[in-house]
Protein backbone atom coordinates (compact mmCIF):
# COMPACT_ATOMS: atom_id res chain seq x y z
CA UNK A 1 30.92 -18.31 16.28
CA UNK A 2 27.73 -16.50 17.26
CA UNK A 3 24.39 -17.82 16.13
CA UNK A 4 22.65 -15.08 14.16
CA UNK A 5 18.99 -14.41 14.69
CA UNK A 6 16.75 -14.98 11.71
CA UNK A 7 13.85 -13.08 13.26
CA UNK A 8 14.71 -9.65 11.77
CA UNK A 9 15.07 -11.18 8.31
CA UNK A 10 11.79 -13.02 8.71
CA UNK A 11 9.99 -9.85 9.84
CA UNK A 12 11.42 -7.86 6.92
CA UNK A 13 10.30 -10.54 4.45
CA UNK A 14 6.89 -10.67 6.11
CA UNK A 15 6.53 -6.89 5.91
CA UNK A 16 7.50 -6.92 2.24
CA UNK A 17 5.00 -9.68 1.46
CA UNK A 18 2.16 -7.96 3.32
CA UNK A 19 2.92 -4.60 1.72
CA UNK A 20 3.09 -6.16 -1.76
CA UNK A 21 -0.29 -7.84 -1.28
CA UNK A 22 -1.92 -4.65 -0.02
CA UNK A 23 -0.44 -2.57 -2.86
CA UNK A 24 -1.59 -5.10 -5.46
CA UNK A 25 -5.13 -5.04 -4.05
CA UNK A 26 -5.12 -1.24 -3.97
CA UNK A 27 -3.91 -0.94 -7.57
CA UNK A 28 -6.50 -3.44 -8.75
CA UNK A 29 -9.31 -1.61 -6.95
CA UNK A 30 -8.27 1.84 -8.17
CA UNK A 31 -7.80 0.68 -11.75
CA UNK A 32 -11.04 -1.26 -11.69
CA UNK A 33 -13.24 1.31 -9.97
CA UNK A 34 -11.76 4.65 -11.02
CA UNK A 35 -10.18 4.08 -14.44
CA UNK A 36 -13.10 5.36 -16.53
CA UNK A 37 -13.58 8.41 -14.31
CA UNK A 38 -9.85 9.21 -14.38
CA UNK A 39 -9.76 8.88 -18.17
CA UNK A 40 -12.69 11.29 -18.41
CA UNK A 41 -10.96 13.75 -16.09
CA UNK A 42 -7.75 13.49 -18.13
CA UNK A 43 -9.53 14.36 -21.35
CA UNK A 44 -11.83 17.08 -19.94
CA UNK A 45 -10.20 18.73 -16.91
CA UNK A 46 -6.48 18.16 -16.59
CA UNK A 47 -6.16 20.58 -13.68
CA UNK A 48 -8.68 18.58 -11.64
CA UNK A 49 -7.04 15.35 -12.80
CA UNK A 50 -3.66 16.54 -11.48
CA UNK A 51 -5.17 17.37 -8.09
CA UNK A 52 -7.00 14.03 -7.90
CA UNK A 53 -3.91 12.06 -8.94
CA UNK A 54 -1.72 13.74 -6.32
CA UNK A 55 -4.44 13.24 -3.70
CA UNK A 56 -4.68 9.55 -4.56
CA UNK A 57 -0.91 9.19 -4.17
CA UNK A 58 -0.95 10.86 -0.75
CA UNK A 59 -3.93 8.81 0.45
CA UNK A 60 -2.24 5.67 -0.88
CA UNK A 61 0.97 6.38 1.01
CA UNK A 62 -0.75 7.15 4.30
CA UNK A 63 -3.35 4.40 4.03
CA UNK A 64 -1.01 1.62 2.95
CA UNK A 65 1.51 2.51 5.62
CA UNK A 66 -1.22 2.47 8.26
CA UNK A 67 -2.65 -0.84 7.10
CA UNK A 68 0.78 -2.47 6.89
CA UNK A 69 1.79 -1.17 10.31
CA UNK A 70 -1.42 -2.45 11.87
CA UNK A 71 -1.11 -5.88 10.26
CA UNK A 72 2.48 -6.25 11.37
CA UNK A 73 1.63 -5.10 14.89
CA UNK A 74 -1.19 -7.63 14.99
CA UNK A 75 1.05 -10.45 13.75
CA UNK A 76 3.74 -9.59 16.28
CA UNK A 77 1.18 -9.62 19.10
CA UNK A 78 -0.01 -13.08 18.07
CA UNK A 79 3.53 -14.49 18.02
CA UNK A 80 4.18 -13.53 21.67
């Protein structure tokens, strides 16, 4: 019977943990820093609010993917 490698499972779990931590920090910062401004936009200018909300989602996707990729690259370099 072949011995299976646990490394891919470990890296997947590590990536999930890192991504979850970064997403939690991002959500906390956005809710803490921008919540009042976003509420004001929602009540006054819904067209601008829609643009800002979509922009935040796009920036979140690109930024979090970049941060996670960098952190995982860094961790893999240290393990070698």
